[in-house]
Amino acid sequence: MLWVNSLAVMSGLKAYWMGATRISAQGPQRDDWKWTNGQPVKYFNWRTGQPNACCGYDVD
């Protein structure tokens, strides 16, 4: 993750998408995500209260 963050910092990006999508839009499961290839996401390190789907997007 540090490598991804360093790429974003070097390119000046303020937000980026890593290819994960939430399976259920706003279901009870917080960790029901999958990668674009269909594999489940196995590691989560959300900030408290995230993802919060602010303005229809799961971004911080």
PDB file of N, CA and C in Angstrom:
ATOM      1  N   MET A   1       0.823  -1.186   0.000  1.00  0.00           N
ATOM      2  CA  MET A   1       0.000   0.000   0.000  1.00  0.00           C
ATOM      3  C   MET A   1       0.870   1.253   0.000  1.00  0.00           C
ATOM      4  N   LEU A   2       1.983   1.206   0.678  1.00  0.00           N
ATOM      5  CA  LEU A   2       2.874   2.367   0.675  1.00  0.00           C
ATOM      6  C   LEU A   2       3.349   2.681  -0.736  1.00  0.00           C
ATOM      7  N   TRP A   3       3.597   1.632  -1.522  1.00  0.00           N
ATOM      8  CA  TRP A   3       4.032   1.830  -2.903  1.00  0.00           C
ATOM      9  C   TRP A   3       2.947   2.535  -3.713  1.00  0.00           C
ATOM     10  N   VAL A   4       1.690   2.113  -3.549  1.00  0.00           N
ATOM     11  CA  VAL A   4       0.577   2.753  -4.257  1.00  0.00           C
ATOM     12  C   VAL A   4       0.461   4.206  -3.828  1.00  0.00           C
ATOM     13  N   ASN A   5       0.544   4.459  -2.532  1.00  0.00           N
ATOM     14  CA  ASN A   5       0.478   5.839  -2.042  1.00  0.00           C
ATOM     15  C   ASN A   5       1.607   6.685  -2.607  1.00  0.00           C
ATOM     16  N   SER A   6       2.806   6.124  -2.684  1.00  0.00           N
ATOM     17  CA  SER A   6       3.932   6.898  -3.211  1.00  0.00           C
ATOM     18  C   SER A   6       3.714   7.241  -4.681  1.00  0.00           C
ATOM     19  N   LEU A   7       3.122   6.337  -5.455  1.00  0.00           N
ATOM     20  CA  LEU A   7       2.808   6.642  -6.855  1.00  0.00           C
ATOM     21  C   LEU A   7       1.809   7.791  -6.959  1.00  0.00           C
ATOM     22  N   ALA A   8       0.799   7.765  -6.103  1.00  0.00           N
ATOM     23  CA  ALA A   8      -0.208   8.823  -6.126  1.00  0.00           C
ATOM     24  C   ALA A   8       0.405  10.164  -5.747  1.00  0.00           C
ATOM     25  N   VAL A   9       1.259  10.174  -4.744  1.00  0.00           N
ATOM     26  CA  VAL A   9       1.905  11.413  -4.309  1.00  0.00           C
ATOM     27  C   VAL A   9       2.791  11.965  -5.421  1.00  0.00           C
ATOM     28  N   MET A  10       3.581  11.095  -6.048  1.00  0.00           N
ATOM     29  CA  MET A  10       4.478  11.545  -7.118  1.00  0.00           C
ATOM     30  C   MET A  10       3.711  12.100  -8.316  1.00  0.00           C
ATOM     31  N   SER A  11       2.528  11.548  -8.587  1.00  0.00           N
ATOM     32  CA  SER A  11       1.763  12.005  -9.750  1.00  0.00           C
ATOM     33  C   SER A  11       0.849  13.174  -9.414  1.00  0.00           C
ATOM     34  N   GLY A  12       0.735  13.520  -8.125  1.00  0.00           N
ATOM     35  CA  GLY A  12      -0.102  14.642  -7.722  1.00  0.00           C
ATOM     36  C   GLY A  12      -1.577  14.296  -7.588  1.00  0.00           C
ATOM     37  N   LEU A  13      -1.913  13.014  -7.607  1.00  0.00           N
ATOM     38  CA  LEU A  13      -3.311  12.611  -7.486  1.00  0.00           C
ATOM     39  C   LEU A  13      -3.823  12.848  -6.073  1.00  0.00           C
ATOM     40  N   LYS A  14      -5.066  13.240  -5.965  1.00  0.00           N
ATOM     41  CA  LYS A  14      -5.698  13.391  -4.661  1.00  0.00           C
ATOM     42  C   LYS A  14      -6.592  12.193  -4.356  1.00  0.00           C
ATOM     43  N   ALA A  15      -6.988  11.449  -5.389  1.00  0.00           N
ATOM     44  CA  ALA A  15      -7.810  10.254  -5.225  1.00  0.00           C
ATOM     45  C   ALA A  15      -7.459   9.275  -6.334  1.00  0.00           C
ATOM     46  N   TYR A  16      -7.630   8.008  -6.048  1.00  0.00           N
ATOM     47  CA  TYR A  16      -7.364   6.990  -7.056  1.00  0.00           C
ATOM     48  C   TYR A  16      -8.215   5.762  -6.764  1.00  0.00           C
ATOM     49  N   TRP A  17      -8.468   4.980  -7.793  1.00  0.00           N
ATOM     50  CA  TRP A  17      -9.266   3.771  -7.677  1.00  0.00           C
ATOM     51  C   TRP A  17      -8.360   2.587  -7.892  1.00  0.00           C
ATOM     52  N   MET A  18      -8.421   1.604  -7.004  1.00  0.00           N
ATOM     53  CA  MET A  18      -7.517   0.458  -7.078  1.00  0.00           C
ATOM     54  C   MET A  18      -8.155  -0.771  -7.703  1.00  0.00           C
ATOM     55  N   GLY A  19      -9.387  -0.693  -8.156  1.00  0.00           N
ATOM     56  CA  GLY A  19     -10.006  -1.815  -8.844  1.00  0.00           C
ATOM     57  C   GLY A  19     -10.870  -2.711  -7.984  1.00  0.00           C
ATOM     58  N   ALA A  20     -11.258  -2.274  -6.817  1.00  0.00           N
ATOM     59  CA  ALA A  20     -12.144  -3.063  -5.964  1.00  0.00           C
ATOM     60  C   ALA A  20     -13.542  -2.465  -6.000  1.00  0.00           C
ATOM     61  N   THR A  21     -14.539  -3.343  -5.937  1.00  0.00           N
ATOM     62  CA  THR A  21     -15.929  -2.925  -5.980  1.00  0.00           C
ATOM     63  C   THR A  21     -16.677  -3.599  -4.846  1.00  0.00           C
ATOM     64  N   ARG A  22     -17.587  -2.861  -4.241  1.00  0.00           N
ATOM     65  CA  ARG A  22     -18.387  -3.428  -3.162  1.00  0.00           C
ATOM     66  C   ARG A  22     -19.483  -4.297  -3.766  1.00  0.00           C
ATOM     67  N   ILE A  23     -19.670  -5.495  -3.228  1.00  0.00           N
ATOM     68  CA  ILE A  23     -20.653  -6.429  -3.763  1.00  0.00           C
ATOM     69  C   ILE A  23     -22.068  -5.961  -3.445  1.00  0.00           C
ATOM     70  N   SER A  24     -22.350  -5.660  -2.186  1.00  0.00           N
ATOM     71  CA  SER A  24     -23.672  -5.157  -1.814  1.00  0.00           C
ATOM     72  C   SER A  24     -23.572  -3.657  -1.616  1.00  0.00           C
ATOM     73  N   ALA A  25     -24.486  -2.934  -2.203  1.00  0.00           N
ATOM     74  CA  ALA A  25     -24.411  -1.472  -2.197  1.00  0.00           C
ATOM     75  C   ALA A  25     -24.284  -0.894  -0.791  1.00  0.00           C
ATOM     76  N   GLN A  26     -25.200  -1.187   0.087  1.00  0.00           N
ATOM     77  CA  GLN A  26     -25.141  -0.659   1.450  1.00  0.00           C
ATOM     78  C   GLN A  26     -25.574  -1.710   2.458  1.00  0.00           C
ATOM     79  N   GLY A  27     -25.230  -2.943   2.202  1.00  0.00           N
ATOM     80  CA  GLY A  27     -25.626  -4.033   3.085  1.00  0.00           C
ATOM     81  C   GLY A  27     -24.928  -3.978   4.431  1.00  0.00           C
ATOM     82  N   PRO A  28     -25.257  -4.929   5.283  1.00  0.00           N
ATOM     83  CA  PRO A  28     -24.674  -4.947   6.625  1.00  0.00           C
ATOM     84  C   PRO A  28     -23.195  -5.302   6.633  1.00  0.00           C
ATOM     85  N   GLN A  29     -22.725  -5.981   5.593  1.00  0.00           N
ATOM     86  CA  GLN A  29     -21.325  -6.375   5.548  1.00  0.00           C
ATOM     87  C   GLN A  29     -20.450  -5.209   5.131  1.00  0.00           C
ATOM     88  N   ARG A  30     -19.475  -4.910   5.926  1.00  0.00           N
ATOM     89  CA  ARG A  30     -18.538  -3.838   5.604  1.00  0.00           C
ATOM     90  C   ARG A  30     -17.432  -4.322   4.686  1.00  0.00           C
ATOM     91  N   ASP A  31     -17.151  -5.611   4.757  1.00  0.00           N
ATOM     92  CA  ASP A  31     -15.995  -6.153   4.054  1.00  0.00           C
ATOM     93  C   ASP A  31     -16.389  -7.088   2.914  1.00  0.00           C
ATOM     94  N   ASP A  32     -17.451  -6.743   2.190  1.00  0.00           N
ATOM     95  CA  ASP A  32     -17.896  -7.580   1.072  1.00  0.00           C
ATOM     96  C   ASP A  32     -17.476  -6.949  -0.259  1.00  0.00           C
ATOM     97  N   TRP A  33     -16.178  -6.952  -0.505  1.00  0.00           N
ATOM     98  CA  TRP A  33     -15.604  -6.330  -1.690  1.00  0.00           C
ATOM     99  C   TRP A  33     -14.967  -7.379  -2.580  1.00  0.00           C
ATOM    100  N   LYS A  34     -14.882  -7.091  -3.886  1.00  0.00           N
ATOM    101  CA  LYS A  34     -14.182  -7.971  -4.814  1.00  0.00           C
ATOM    102  C   LYS A  34     -13.340  -7.131  -5.765  1.00  0.00           C
ATOM    103  N   TRP A  35     -12.273  -7.748  -6.280  1.00  0.00           N
ATOM    104  CA  TRP A  35     -11.429  -7.109  -7.280  1.00  0.00           C
ATOM    105  C   TRP A  35     -12.111  -7.201  -8.636  1.00  0.00           C
ATOM    106  N   THR A  36     -11.657  -6.437  -9.604  1.00  0.00           N
ATOM    107  CA  THR A  36     -12.269  -6.454 -10.932  1.00  0.00           C
ATOM    108  C   THR A  36     -12.160  -7.822 -11.602  1.00  0.00           C
ATOM    109  N   ASN A  37     -11.246  -8.668 -11.154  1.00  0.00           N
ATOM    110  CA  ASN A  37     -11.137 -10.016 -11.722  1.00  0.00           C
ATOM    111  C   ASN A  37     -12.053 -11.015 -11.015  1.00  0.00           C
ATOM    112  N   GLY A  38     -12.869 -10.528 -10.056  1.00  0.00           N
ATOM    113  CA  GLY A  38     -13.823 -11.377  -9.355  1.00  0.00           C
ATOM    114  C   GLY A  38     -13.315 -11.984  -8.062  1.00  0.00           C
ATOM    115  N   GLN A  39     -12.022 -11.889  -7.787  1.00  0.00           N
ATOM    116  CA  GLN A  39     -11.456 -12.441  -6.555  1.00  0.00           C
ATOM    117  C   GLN A  39     -11.865 -11.579  -5.359  1.00  0.00           C
ATOM    118  N   PRO A  40     -12.127 -12.203  -4.208  1.00  0.00           N
ATOM    119  CA  PRO A  40     -12.487 -11.408  -3.032  1.00  0.00           C
ATOM    120  C   PRO A  40     -11.296 -10.609  -2.514  1.00  0.00           C
ATOM    121  N   VAL A  41     -11.578  -9.436  -1.997  1.00  0.00           N
ATOM    122  CA  VAL A  41     -10.543  -8.634  -1.336  1.00  0.00           C
ATOM    123  C   VAL A  41     -10.356  -9.239   0.047  1.00  0.00           C
ATOM    124  N   LYS A  42      -9.134  -9.547   0.414  1.00  0.00           N
ATOM    125  CA  LYS A  42      -8.869 -10.254   1.670  1.00  0.00           C
ATOM    126  C   LYS A  42      -8.274  -9.381   2.765  1.00  0.00           C
ATOM    127  N   TYR A  43      -7.854  -8.177   2.441  1.00  0.00           N
ATOM    128  CA  TYR A  43      -7.244  -7.306   3.452  1.00  0.00           C
ATOM    129  C   TYR A  43      -7.966  -5.969   3.458  1.00  0.00           C
ATOM    130  N   PHE A  44      -8.320  -5.513   4.629  1.00  0.00           N
ATOM    131  CA  PHE A  44      -8.992  -4.230   4.793  1.00  0.00           C
ATOM    132  C   PHE A  44      -8.297  -3.442   5.887  1.00  0.00           C
ATOM    133  N   ASN A  45      -8.161  -2.162   5.668  1.00  0.00           N
ATOM    134  CA  ASN A  45      -7.585  -1.288   6.678  1.00  0.00           C
ATOM    135  C   ASN A  45      -8.300   0.056   6.584  1.00  0.00           C
ATOM    136  N   TRP A  46      -9.624   0.012   6.766  1.00  0.00           N
ATOM    137  CA  TRP A  46     -10.418   1.226   6.646  1.00  0.00           C
ATOM    138  C   TRP A  46     -10.188   2.147   7.833  1.00  0.00           C
ATOM    139  N   ARG A  47     -10.237   3.434   7.573  1.00  0.00           N
ATOM    140  CA  ARG A  47     -10.251   4.420   8.651  1.00  0.00           C
ATOM    141  C   ARG A  47     -11.606   4.311   9.342  1.00  0.00           C
ATOM    142  N   THR A  48     -11.702   4.647  10.606  1.00  0.00           N
ATOM    143  CA  THR A  48     -12.959   4.600  11.337  1.00  0.00           C
ATOM    144  C   THR A  48     -14.025   5.376  10.573  1.00  0.00           C
ATOM    145  N   GLY A  49     -15.188   4.751  10.378  1.00  0.00           N
ATOM    146  CA  GLY A  49     -16.290   5.387   9.668  1.00  0.00           C
ATOM    147  C   GLY A  49     -16.214   5.259   8.152  1.00  0.00           C
ATOM    148  N   GLN A  50     -15.203   4.562   7.633  1.00  0.00           N
ATOM    149  CA  GLN A  50     -15.038   4.407   6.188  1.00  0.00           C
ATOM    150  C   GLN A  50     -15.277   2.955   5.786  1.00  0.00           C
ATOM    151  N   PRO A  51     -15.642   2.668   4.586  1.00  0.00           N
ATOM    152  CA  PRO A  51     -16.066   3.628   3.577  1.00  0.00           C
ATOM    153  C   PRO A  51     -17.455   4.152   3.905  1.00  0.00           C
ATOM    154  N   ASN A  52     -17.701   5.406   3.616  1.00  0.00           N
ATOM    155  CA  ASN A  52     -18.963   6.020   4.019  1.00  0.00           C
ATOM    156  C   ASN A  52     -19.881   6.364   2.859  1.00  0.00           C
ATOM    157  N   ALA A  53     -19.479   6.059   1.631  1.00  0.00           N
ATOM    158  CA  ALA A  53     -20.308   6.294   0.446  1.00  0.00           C
ATOM    159  C   ALA A  53     -20.758   7.750   0.351  1.00  0.00           C
ATOM    160  N   CYS A  54     -19.909   8.649   0.728  1.00  0.00           N
ATOM    161  CA  CYS A  54     -20.233  10.070   0.649  1.00  0.00           C
ATOM    162  C   CYS A  54     -20.562  10.462  -0.783  1.00  0.00           C
ATOM    163  N   CYS A  55     -21.679  11.110  -0.971  1.00  0.00           N
ATOM    164  CA  CYS A  55     -22.098  11.619  -2.282  1.00  0.00           C
ATOM    165  C   CYS A  55     -22.235  10.498  -3.312  1.00  0.00           C
ATOM    166  N   GLY A  56     -22.501   9.279  -2.869  1.00  0.00           N
ATOM    167  CA  GLY A  56     -22.679   8.161  -3.778  1.00  0.00           C
ATOM    168  C   GLY A  56     -21.410   7.438  -4.153  1.00  0.00           C
ATOM    169  N   TYR A  57     -20.279   7.865  -3.599  1.00  0.00           N
ATOM    170  CA  TYR A  57     -19.000   7.232  -3.901  1.00  0.00           C
ATOM    171  C   TYR A  57     -18.352   6.759  -2.615  1.00  0.00           C
ATOM    172  N   ASP A  58     -17.670   5.604  -2.677  1.00  0.00           N
ATOM    173  CA  ASP A  58     -16.921   5.129  -1.512  1.00  0.00           C
ATOM    174  C   ASP A  58     -15.507   5.669  -1.576  1.00  0.00           C
ATOM    175  N   VAL A  59     -15.376   6.964  -1.339  1.00  0.00           N
ATOM    176  CA  VAL A  59     -14.066   7.612  -1.346  1.00  0.00           C
ATOM    177  C   VAL A  59     -13.914   8.413  -0.077  1.00  0.00           C
ATOM    178  N   ASP A  60     -12.698   8.748   0.246  1.00  0.00           N
ATOM    179  CA  ASP A  60     -12.438   9.561   1.438  1.00  0.00           C
ATOM    180  C   ASP A  60     -11.959  10.925   1.008  1.00  0.00           C
TER     181      ASP A  60
END
